[in-house]
Amino acid sequence: MHFTKDDLLGKHYSWNPQEGSTTLTGQPSRRLFDRFNGDQVLFIINSYATLVEKFTLAEARRMEELITDYLPLGIKSEMSVFNWLRETSLKPALA
């Protein structure tokens, strides 16, 4: 399942205009990650979803919550965020 802007719960994101914007494709890289950039948040969630069979909307929203509320400030790159999500998602739910 591919997640879109309409699937996110947060309304605080900035969005790149469609025309002339850089489309995020491929794998997470060392590109700087901005937790307030909706395009990057979706890119990371969709990248993660490709690794999980039957990834659901509820799981995508959980990833969004983890990024919004729990992502450590020191994590700077897409790759770091992706790896942190993989590690964090295997732990019991954060309270």
PDB file of N, CA and C in Angstrom:
ATOM      1  N   MET A   1       0.842  -1.171   0.000  1.00  0.00           N
ATOM      2  CA  MET A   1       0.000   0.000   0.000  1.00  0.00           C
ATOM      3  C   MET A   1       0.893   1.243   0.000  1.00  0.00           C
ATOM      4  N   HIS A   2       0.589   2.207  -0.820  1.00  0.00           N
ATOM      5  CA  HIS A   2       1.325   3.467  -0.894  1.00  0.00           C
ATOM      6  C   HIS A   2       0.543   4.529  -0.125  1.00  0.00           C
ATOM      7  N   PHE A   3       1.206   5.185   0.812  1.00  0.00           N
ATOM      8  CA  PHE A   3       0.546   6.175   1.648  1.00  0.00           C
ATOM      9  C   PHE A   3       0.716   7.571   1.058  1.00  0.00           C
ATOM     10  N   THR A   4      -0.295   8.404   1.238  1.00  0.00           N
ATOM     11  CA  THR A   4      -0.312   9.738   0.652  1.00  0.00           C
ATOM     12  C   THR A   4      -0.498  10.799   1.731  1.00  0.00           C
ATOM     13  N   LYS A   5      -0.448  12.025   1.303  1.00  0.00           N
ATOM     14  CA  LYS A   5      -0.641  13.182   2.182  1.00  0.00           C
ATOM     15  C   LYS A   5      -1.953  13.071   2.962  1.00  0.00           C
ATOM     16  N   ASP A   6      -2.995  12.574   2.307  1.00  0.00           N
ATOM     17  CA  ASP A   6      -4.306  12.457   2.953  1.00  0.00           C
ATOM     18  C   ASP A   6      -4.327  11.424   4.077  1.00  0.00           C
ATOM     19  N   ASP A   7      -3.349  10.513   4.091  1.00  0.00           N
ATOM     20  CA  ASP A   7      -3.306   9.476   5.125  1.00  0.00           C
ATOM     21  C   ASP A   7      -2.677   9.963   6.427  1.00  0.00           C
ATOM     22  N   LEU A   8      -1.923  11.050   6.360  1.00  0.00           N
ATOM     23  CA  LEU A   8      -1.251  11.558   7.557  1.00  0.00           C
ATOM     24  C   LEU A   8      -2.232  12.287   8.472  1.00  0.00           C
ATOM     25  N   LEU A   9      -1.995  12.182   9.759  1.00  0.00           N
ATOM     26  CA  LEU A   9      -2.850  12.850  10.742  1.00  0.00           C
ATOM     27  C   LEU A   9      -2.386  14.271  11.028  1.00  0.00           C
ATOM     28  N   GLY A  10      -1.072  14.490  10.977  1.00  0.00           N
ATOM     29  CA  GLY A  10      -0.515  15.802  11.291  1.00  0.00           C
ATOM     30  C   GLY A  10      -0.876  16.846  10.246  1.00  0.00           C
ATOM     31  N   LYS A  11      -1.096  18.055  10.712  1.00  0.00           N
ATOM     32  CA  LYS A  11      -1.412  19.178   9.826  1.00  0.00           C
ATOM     33  C   LYS A  11      -0.295  20.225   9.848  1.00  0.00           C
ATOM     34  N   HIS A  12       0.816  19.905  10.486  1.00  0.00           N
ATOM     35  CA  HIS A  12       1.913  20.846  10.684  1.00  0.00           C
ATOM     36  C   HIS A  12       2.988  20.772   9.603  1.00  0.00           C
ATOM     37  N   TYR A  13       2.798  19.948   8.598  1.00  0.00           N
ATOM     38  CA  TYR A  13       3.837  19.717   7.596  1.00  0.00           C
ATOM     39  C   TYR A  13       3.909  20.818   6.554  1.00  0.00           C
ATOM     40  N   SER A  14       5.107  21.013   6.041  1.00  0.00           N
ATOM     41  CA  SER A  14       5.284  21.852   4.857  1.00  0.00           C
ATOM     42  C   SER A  14       5.347  20.895   3.666  1.00  0.00           C
ATOM     43  N   TRP A  15       4.904  21.376   2.523  1.00  0.00           N
ATOM     44  CA  TRP A  15       4.846  20.540   1.320  1.00  0.00           C
ATOM     45  C   TRP A  15       5.520  21.267   0.172  1.00  0.00           C
ATOM     46  N   ASN A  16       6.323  20.505  -0.575  1.00  0.00           N
ATOM     47  CA  ASN A  16       6.949  21.078  -1.763  1.00  0.00           C
ATOM     48  C   ASN A  16       5.901  21.208  -2.850  1.00  0.00           C
ATOM     49  N   PRO A  17       5.931  22.302  -3.591  1.00  0.00           N
ATOM     50  CA  PRO A  17       4.987  22.420  -4.709  1.00  0.00           C
ATOM     51  C   PRO A  17       5.288  21.336  -5.740  1.00  0.00           C
ATOM     52  N   GLN A  18       4.274  20.837  -6.398  1.00  0.00           N
ATOM     53  CA  GLN A  18       4.435  19.748  -7.374  1.00  0.00           C
ATOM     54  C   GLN A  18       5.373  20.142  -8.511  1.00  0.00           C
ATOM     55  N   GLU A  19       5.197  21.337  -9.039  1.00  0.00           N
ATOM     56  CA  GLU A  19       5.994  21.761 -10.180  1.00  0.00           C
ATOM     57  C   GLU A  19       7.396  22.148  -9.735  1.00  0.00           C
ATOM     58  N   GLY A  20       8.384  21.506 -10.320  1.00  0.00           N
ATOM     59  CA  GLY A  20       9.764  21.838 -10.028  1.00  0.00           C
ATOM     60  C   GLY A  20      10.297  21.246  -8.731  1.00  0.00           C
ATOM     61  N   SER A  21       9.510  20.451  -8.040  1.00  0.00           N
ATOM     62  CA  SER A  21       9.999  19.875  -6.783  1.00  0.00           C
ATOM     63  C   SER A  21      10.820  18.623  -7.064  1.00  0.00           C
ATOM     64  N   THR A  22      11.662  18.302  -6.136  1.00  0.00           N
ATOM     65  CA  THR A  22      12.468  17.094  -6.247  1.00  0.00           C
ATOM     66  C   THR A  22      11.662  15.934  -5.691  1.00  0.00           C
ATOM     67  N   THR A  23      11.416  14.930  -6.515  1.00  0.00           N
ATOM     68  CA  THR A  23      10.681  13.754  -6.062  1.00  0.00           C
ATOM     69  C   THR A  23      11.634  12.849  -5.305  1.00  0.00           C
ATOM     70  N   LEU A  24      11.218  12.425  -4.146  1.00  0.00           N
ATOM     71  CA  LEU A  24      12.031  11.532  -3.332  1.00  0.00           C
ATOM     72  C   LEU A  24      11.799  10.103  -3.805  1.00  0.00           C
ATOM     73  N   THR A  25      12.844   9.489  -4.307  1.00  0.00           N
ATOM     74  CA  THR A  25      12.749   8.118  -4.796  1.00  0.00           C
ATOM     75  C   THR A  25      13.944   7.318  -4.289  1.00  0.00           C
ATOM     76  N   GLY A  26      13.903   6.025  -4.537  1.00  0.00           N
ATOM     77  CA  GLY A  26      15.006   5.170  -4.134  1.00  0.00           C
ATOM     78  C   GLY A  26      14.950   4.838  -2.661  1.00  0.00           C
ATOM     79  N   GLN A  27      16.120   4.695  -2.102  1.00  0.00           N
ATOM     80  CA  GLN A  27      16.260   4.329  -0.695  1.00  0.00           C
ATOM     81  C   GLN A  27      16.580   5.572   0.140  1.00  0.00           C
ATOM     82  N   PRO A  28      16.283   5.523   1.442  1.00  0.00           N
ATOM     83  CA  PRO A  28      16.713   6.618   2.309  1.00  0.00           C
ATOM     84  C   PRO A  28      18.227   6.806   2.192  1.00  0.00           C
ATOM     85  N   SER A  29      18.653   8.064   2.186  1.00  0.00           N
ATOM     86  CA  SER A  29      20.064   8.376   1.988  1.00  0.00           C
ATOM     87  C   SER A  29      20.571   9.252   3.131  1.00  0.00           C
ATOM     88  N   ARG A  30      21.733   9.819   2.933  1.00  0.00           N
ATOM     89  CA  ARG A  30      22.306  10.715   3.935  1.00  0.00           C
ATOM     90  C   ARG A  30      21.769  12.144   3.800  1.00  0.00           C
ATOM     91  N   ARG A  31      20.765  12.307   2.940  1.00  0.00           N
ATOM     92  CA  ARG A  31      20.105  13.614   2.788  1.00  0.00           C
ATOM     93  C   ARG A  31      19.551  14.031   4.148  1.00  0.00           C
ATOM     94  N   LEU A  32      19.668  15.314   4.483  1.00  0.00           N
ATOM     95  CA  LEU A  32      19.144  15.811   5.758  1.00  0.00           C
ATOM     96  C   LEU A  32      17.649  15.540   5.853  1.00  0.00           C
ATOM     97  N   PHE A  33      17.208  15.121   7.023  1.00  0.00           N
ATOM     98  CA  PHE A  33      15.801  14.822   7.255  1.00  0.00           C
ATOM     99  C   PHE A  33      15.174  15.954   8.049  1.00  0.00           C
ATOM    100  N   ASP A  34      14.012  16.400   7.580  1.00  0.00           N
ATOM    101  CA  ASP A  34      13.248  17.449   8.255  1.00  0.00           C
ATOM    102  C   ASP A  34      11.906  16.853   8.670  1.00  0.00           C
ATOM    103  N   ARG A  35      11.704  16.673   9.956  1.00  0.00           N
ATOM    104  CA  ARG A  35      10.477  16.046  10.459  1.00  0.00           C
ATOM    105  C   ARG A  35       9.226  16.863  10.160  1.00  0.00           C
ATOM    106  N   PHE A  36       9.391  18.109   9.732  1.00  0.00           N
ATOM    107  CA  PHE A  36       8.254  18.958   9.387  1.00  0.00           C
ATOM    108  C   PHE A  36       7.979  18.991   7.885  1.00  0.00           C
ATOM    109  N   ASN A  37       8.791  18.276   7.112  1.00  0.00           N
ATOM    110  CA  ASN A  37       8.601  18.182   5.674  1.00  0.00           C
ATOM    111  C   ASN A  37       7.737  16.949   5.391  1.00  0.00           C
ATOM    112  N   GLY A  38       6.497  17.176   4.999  1.00  0.00           N
ATOM    113  CA  GLY A  38       5.569  16.073   4.769  1.00  0.00           C
ATOM    114  C   GLY A  38       6.037  15.111   3.697  1.00  0.00           C
ATOM    115  N   ASP A  39       6.711  15.630   2.657  1.00  0.00           N
ATOM    116  CA  ASP A  39       7.216  14.760   1.596  1.00  0.00           C
ATOM    117  C   ASP A  39       8.241  13.770   2.146  1.00  0.00           C
ATOM    118  N   GLN A  40       9.121  14.242   3.017  1.00  0.00           N
ATOM    119  CA  GLN A  40      10.128  13.352   3.596  1.00  0.00           C
ATOM    120  C   GLN A  40       9.513  12.354   4.567  1.00  0.00           C
ATOM    121  N   VAL A  41       8.555  12.788   5.360  1.00  0.00           N
ATOM    122  CA  VAL A  41       7.893  11.871   6.298  1.00  0.00           C
ATOM    123  C   VAL A  41       7.210  10.751   5.512  1.00  0.00           C
ATOM    124  N   LEU A  42       6.487  11.117   4.457  1.00  0.00           N
ATOM    125  CA  LEU A  42       5.840  10.095   3.626  1.00  0.00           C
ATOM    126  C   LEU A  42       6.867   9.176   2.969  1.00  0.00           C
ATOM    127  N   PHE A  43       7.966   9.743   2.500  1.00  0.00           N
ATOM    128  CA  PHE A  43       9.024   8.953   1.862  1.00  0.00           C
ATOM    129  C   PHE A  43       9.559   7.897   2.825  1.00  0.00           C
ATOM    130  N   ILE A  44       9.826   8.286   4.066  1.00  0.00           N
ATOM    131  CA  ILE A  44      10.357   7.350   5.055  1.00  0.00           C
ATOM    132  C   ILE A  44       9.313   6.285   5.393  1.00  0.00           C
ATOM    133  N   ILE A  45       8.065   6.696   5.591  1.00  0.00           N
ATOM    134  CA  ILE A  45       7.002   5.730   5.907  1.00  0.00           C
ATOM    135  C   ILE A  45       6.824   4.749   4.748  1.00  0.00           C
ATOM    136  N   ASN A  46       6.780   5.240   3.530  1.00  0.00           N
ATOM    137  CA  ASN A  46       6.602   4.354   2.373  1.00  0.00           C
ATOM    138  C   ASN A  46       7.818   3.469   2.141  1.00  0.00           C
ATOM    139  N   SER A  47       9.010   3.965   2.445  1.00  0.00           N
ATOM    140  CA  SER A  47      10.221   3.135   2.346  1.00  0.00           C
ATOM    141  C   SER A  47      10.143   1.987   3.339  1.00  0.00           C
ATOM    142  N   TYR A  48       9.709   2.293   4.548  1.00  0.00           N
ATOM    143  CA  TYR A  48       9.561   1.266   5.580  1.00  0.00           C
ATOM    144  C   TYR A  48       8.489   0.252   5.173  1.00  0.00           C
ATOM    145  N   ALA A  49       7.392   0.758   4.611  1.00  0.00           N
ATOM    146  CA  ALA A  49       6.276  -0.115   4.233  1.00  0.00           C
ATOM    147  C   ALA A  49       6.675  -1.146   3.188  1.00  0.00           C
ATOM    148  N   THR A  50       7.665  -0.843   2.349  1.00  0.00           N
ATOM    149  CA  THR A  50       8.092  -1.806   1.328  1.00  0.00           C
ATOM    150  C   THR A  50       8.748  -3.033   1.941  1.00  0.00           C
ATOM    151  N   LEU A  51       9.183  -2.919   3.184  1.00  0.00           N
ATOM    152  CA  LEU A  51       9.853  -4.038   3.855  1.00  0.00           C
ATOM    153  C   LEU A  51       8.914  -4.923   4.653  1.00  0.00           C
ATOM    154  N   VAL A  52       7.693  -4.456   4.867  1.00  0.00           N
ATOM    155  CA  VAL A  52       6.755  -5.156   5.746  1.00  0.00           C
ATOM    156  C   VAL A  52       5.559  -5.640   4.926  1.00  0.00           C
ATOM    157  N   GLU A  53       5.336  -6.926   4.967  1.00  0.00           N
ATOM    158  CA  GLU A  53       4.179  -7.481   4.262  1.00  0.00           C
ATOM    159  C   GLU A  53       2.897  -7.031   4.967  1.00  0.00           C
ATOM    160  N   LYS A  54       1.933  -6.605   4.201  1.00  0.00           N
ATOM    161  CA  LYS A  54       0.624  -6.169   4.702  1.00  0.00           C
ATOM    162  C   LYS A  54       0.737  -5.004   5.684  1.00  0.00           C
ATOM    163  N   PHE A  55       1.561  -4.037   5.368  1.00  0.00           N
ATOM    164  CA  PHE A  55       1.698  -2.825   6.177  1.00  0.00           C
ATOM    165  C   PHE A  55       0.386  -2.056   6.100  1.00  0.00           C
ATOM    166  N   THR A  56      -0.149  -1.650   7.242  1.00  0.00           N
ATOM    167  CA  THR A  56      -1.483  -1.053   7.296  1.00  0.00           C
ATOM    168  C   THR A  56      -1.432   0.461   7.523  1.00  0.00           C
ATOM    169  N   LEU A  57      -2.567   1.089   7.332  1.00  0.00           N
ATOM    170  CA  LEU A  57      -2.692   2.515   7.609  1.00  0.00           C
ATOM    171  C   LEU A  57      -2.415   2.801   9.085  1.00  0.00           C
ATOM    172  N   ALA A  58      -2.873   1.941   9.973  1.00  0.00           N
ATOM    173  CA  ALA A  58      -2.620   2.111  11.408  1.00  0.00           C
ATOM    174  C   ALA A  58      -1.117   2.084  11.694  1.00  0.00           C
ATOM    175  N   GLU A  59      -0.392   1.201  11.036  1.00  0.00           N
ATOM    176  CA  GLU A  59       1.057   1.131  11.225  1.00  0.00           C
ATOM    177  C   GLU A  59       1.738   2.382  10.665  1.00  0.00           C
ATOM    178  N   ALA A  60       1.254   2.877   9.541  1.00  0.00           N
ATOM    179  CA  ALA A  60       1.807   4.099   8.952  1.00  0.00           C
ATOM    180  C   ALA A  60       1.603   5.274   9.909  1.00  0.00           C
ATOM    181  N   ARG A  61       0.440   5.340  10.488  1.00  0.00           N
ATOM    182  CA  ARG A  61       0.159   6.428  11.427  1.00  0.00           C
ATOM    183  C   ARG A  61       0.988   6.287  12.697  1.00  0.00           C
ATOM    184  N   ARG A  62       1.276   5.072  13.086  1.00  0.00           N
ATOM    185  CA  ARG A  62       2.158   4.827  14.240  1.00  0.00           C
ATOM    186  C   ARG A  62       3.567   5.329  13.904  1.00  0.00           C
ATOM    187  N   MET A  63       4.032   5.082  12.680  1.00  0.00           N
ATOM    188  CA  MET A  63       5.337   5.581  12.244  1.00  0.00           C
ATOM    189  C   MET A  63       5.343   7.114  12.287  1.00  0.00           C
ATOM    190  N   GLU A  64       4.256   7.709  11.811  1.00  0.00           N
ATOM    191  CA  GLU A  64       4.144   9.165  11.843  1.00  0.00           C
ATOM    192  C   GLU A  64       4.230   9.665  13.293  1.00  0.00           C
ATOM    193  N   GLU A  65       3.530   9.006  14.198  1.00  0.00           N
ATOM    194  CA  GLU A  65       3.556   9.382  15.609  1.00  0.00           C
ATOM    195  C   GLU A  65       4.969   9.260  16.187  1.00  0.00           C
ATOM    196  N   LEU A  66       5.657   8.193  15.843  1.00  0.00           N
ATOM    197  CA  LEU A  66       7.023   8.012  16.335  1.00  0.00           C
ATOM    198  C   LEU A  66       7.920   9.146  15.852  1.00  0.00           C
ATOM    199  N   ILE A  67       7.797   9.507  14.577  1.00  0.00           N
ATOM    200  CA  ILE A  67       8.610  10.596  14.027  1.00  0.00           C
ATOM    201  C   ILE A  67       8.259  11.915  14.701  1.00  0.00           C
ATOM    202  N   THR A  68       6.977  12.192  14.831  1.00  0.00           N
ATOM    203  CA  THR A  68       6.525  13.470  15.383  1.00  0.00           C
ATOM    204  C   THR A  68       6.850  13.614  16.863  1.00  0.00           C
ATOM    205  N   ASP A  69       6.604  12.576  17.642  1.00  0.00           N
ATOM    206  CA  ASP A  69       6.677  12.693  19.097  1.00  0.00           C
ATOM    207  C   ASP A  69       7.931  12.119  19.754  1.00  0.00           C
ATOM    208  N   TYR A  70       8.630  11.191  19.094  1.00  0.00           N
ATOM    209  CA  TYR A  70       9.712  10.481  19.773  1.00  0.00           C
ATOM    210  C   TYR A  70      11.059  10.507  19.063  1.00  0.00           C
ATOM    211  N   LEU A  71      11.122  10.973  17.835  1.00  0.00           N
ATOM    212  CA  LEU A  71      12.388  10.969  17.107  1.00  0.00           C
ATOM    213  C   LEU A  71      13.399  11.856  17.833  1.00  0.00           C
ATOM    214  N   PRO A  72      14.542  11.285  18.224  1.00  0.00           N
ATOM    215  CA  PRO A  72      15.560  12.095  18.906  1.00  0.00           C
ATOM    216  C   PRO A  72      16.056  13.238  18.006  1.00  0.00           C
ATOM    217  N   LEU A  73      16.308  14.384  18.608  1.00  0.00           N
ATOM    218  CA  LEU A  73      16.740  15.553  17.851  1.00  0.00           C
ATOM    219  C   LEU A  73      18.082  15.347  17.156  1.00  0.00           C
ATOM    220  N   GLY A  74      18.913  14.470  17.683  1.00  0.00           N
ATOM    221  CA  GLY A  74      20.234  14.239  17.109  1.00  0.00           C
ATOM    222  C   GLY A  74      20.229  13.464  15.804  1.00  0.00           C
ATOM    223  N   ILE A  75      19.113  12.866  15.452  1.00  0.00           N
ATOM    224  CA  ILE A  75      19.043  12.087  14.223  1.00  0.00           C
ATOM    225  C   ILE A  75      18.846  13.054  13.071  1.00  0.00           C
ATOM    226  N   LYS A  76      19.782  13.045  12.116  1.00  0.00           N
ATOM    227  CA  LYS A  76      19.812  14.078  11.097  1.00  0.00           C
ATOM    228  C   LYS A  76      19.541  13.608   9.667  1.00  0.00           C
ATOM    229  N   SER A  77      19.834  12.371   9.325  1.00  0.00           N
ATOM    230  CA  SER A  77      19.688  11.933   7.934  1.00  0.00           C
ATOM    231  C   SER A  77      18.503  10.993   7.768  1.00  0.00           C
ATOM    232  N   GLU A  78      18.033  10.869   6.538  1.00  0.00           N
ATOM    233  CA  GLU A  78      16.949   9.923   6.245  1.00  0.00           C
ATOM    234  C   GLU A  78      17.339   8.517   6.664  1.00  0.00           C
ATOM    235  N   MET A  79      18.584   8.150   6.378  1.00  0.00           N
ATOM    236  CA  MET A  79      19.048   6.808   6.718  1.00  0.00           C
ATOM    237  C   MET A  79      19.001   6.582   8.229  1.00  0.00           C
ATOM    238  N   SER A  80      19.399   7.583   8.995  1.00  0.00           N
ATOM    239  CA  SER A  80      19.363   7.475  10.457  1.00  0.00           C
ATOM    240  C   SER A  80      17.934   7.330  10.958  1.00  0.00           C
ATOM    241  N   VAL A  81      17.008   8.114  10.386  1.00  0.00           N
ATOM    242  CA  VAL A  81      15.599   8.031  10.776  1.00  0.00           C
ATOM    243  C   VAL A  81      15.052   6.651  10.437  1.00  0.00           C
ATOM    244  N   PHE A  82      15.346   6.177   9.247  1.00  0.00           N
ATOM    245  CA  PHE A  82      14.877   4.866   8.809  1.00  0.00           C
ATOM    246  C   PHE A  82      15.381   3.772   9.749  1.00  0.00           C
ATOM    247  N   ASN A  83      16.661   3.799  10.061  1.00  0.00           N
ATOM    248  CA  ASN A  83      17.235   2.785  10.964  1.00  0.00           C
ATOM    249  C   ASN A  83      16.640   2.896  12.365  1.00  0.00           C
ATOM    250  N   TRP A  84      16.435   4.120  12.838  1.00  0.00           N
ATOM    251  CA  TRP A  84      15.822   4.318  14.155  1.00  0.00           C
ATOM    252  C   TRP A  84      14.403   3.747  14.177  1.00  0.00           C
ATOM    253  N   LEU A  85      13.638   3.988  13.099  1.00  0.00           N
ATOM    254  CA  LEU A  85      12.277   3.450  13.027  1.00  0.00           C
ATOM    255  C   LEU A  85      12.285   1.923  13.040  1.00  0.00           C
ATOM    256  N   ARG A  86      13.207   1.316  12.310  1.00  0.00           N
ATOM    257  CA  ARG A  86      13.296  -0.161  12.303  1.00  0.00           C
ATOM    258  C   ARG A  86      13.564  -0.684  13.704  1.00  0.00           C
ATOM    259  N   GLU A  87      14.472  -0.061  14.409  1.00  0.00           N
ATOM    260  CA  GLU A  87      14.787  -0.494  15.777  1.00  0.00           C
ATOM    261  C   GLU A  87      13.639  -0.216  16.733  1.00  0.00           C
ATOM    262  N   THR A  88      13.047   0.951  16.642  1.00  0.00           N
ATOM    263  CA  THR A  88      11.980   1.370  17.559  1.00  0.00           C
ATOM    264  C   THR A  88      10.707   0.580  17.352  1.00  0.00           C
ATOM    265  N   SER A  89      10.393   0.258  16.117  1.00  0.00           N
ATOM    266  CA  SER A  89       9.141  -0.443  15.838  1.00  0.00           C
ATOM    267  C   SER A  89       9.144  -1.874  16.365  1.00  0.00           C
ATOM    268  N   LEU A  90      10.313  -2.394  16.651  1.00  0.00           N
ATOM    269  CA  LEU A  90      10.403  -3.745  17.189  1.00  0.00           C
ATOM    270  C   LEU A  90      10.224  -3.778  18.713  1.00  0.00           C
ATOM    271  N   LYS A  91      10.298  -2.602  19.333  1.00  0.00           N
ATOM    272  CA  LYS A  91      10.131  -2.505  20.788  1.00  0.00           C
ATOM    273  C   LYS A  91       8.656  -2.381  21.134  1.00  0.00           C
ATOM    274  N   PRO A  92       8.284  -2.669  22.366  1.00  0.00           N
ATOM    275  CA  PRO A  92       6.886  -2.437  22.788  1.00  0.00           C
ATOM    276  C   PRO A  92       6.521  -0.979  22.601  1.00  0.00           C
ATOM    277  N   ALA A  93       5.249  -0.712  22.466  1.00  0.00           N
ATOM    278  CA  ALA A  93       4.754   0.653  22.225  1.00  0.00           C
ATOM    279  C   ALA A  93       5.265   1.609  23.296  1.00  0.00           C
ATOM    280  N   LEU A  94       5.675   2.780  22.851  1.00  0.00           N
ATOM    281  CA  LEU A  94       6.111   3.815  23.780  1.00  0.00           C
ATOM    282  C   LEU A  94       4.900   4.394  24.488  1.00  0.00           C
ATOM    283  N   ALA A  95       5.025   4.648  25.757  1.00  0.00           N
ATOM    284  CA  ALA A  95       3.871   5.178  26.519  1.00  0.00           C
ATOM    285  C   ALA A  95       3.929   6.668  26.629  1.00  0.00           C
TER     286      ALA A  95
END
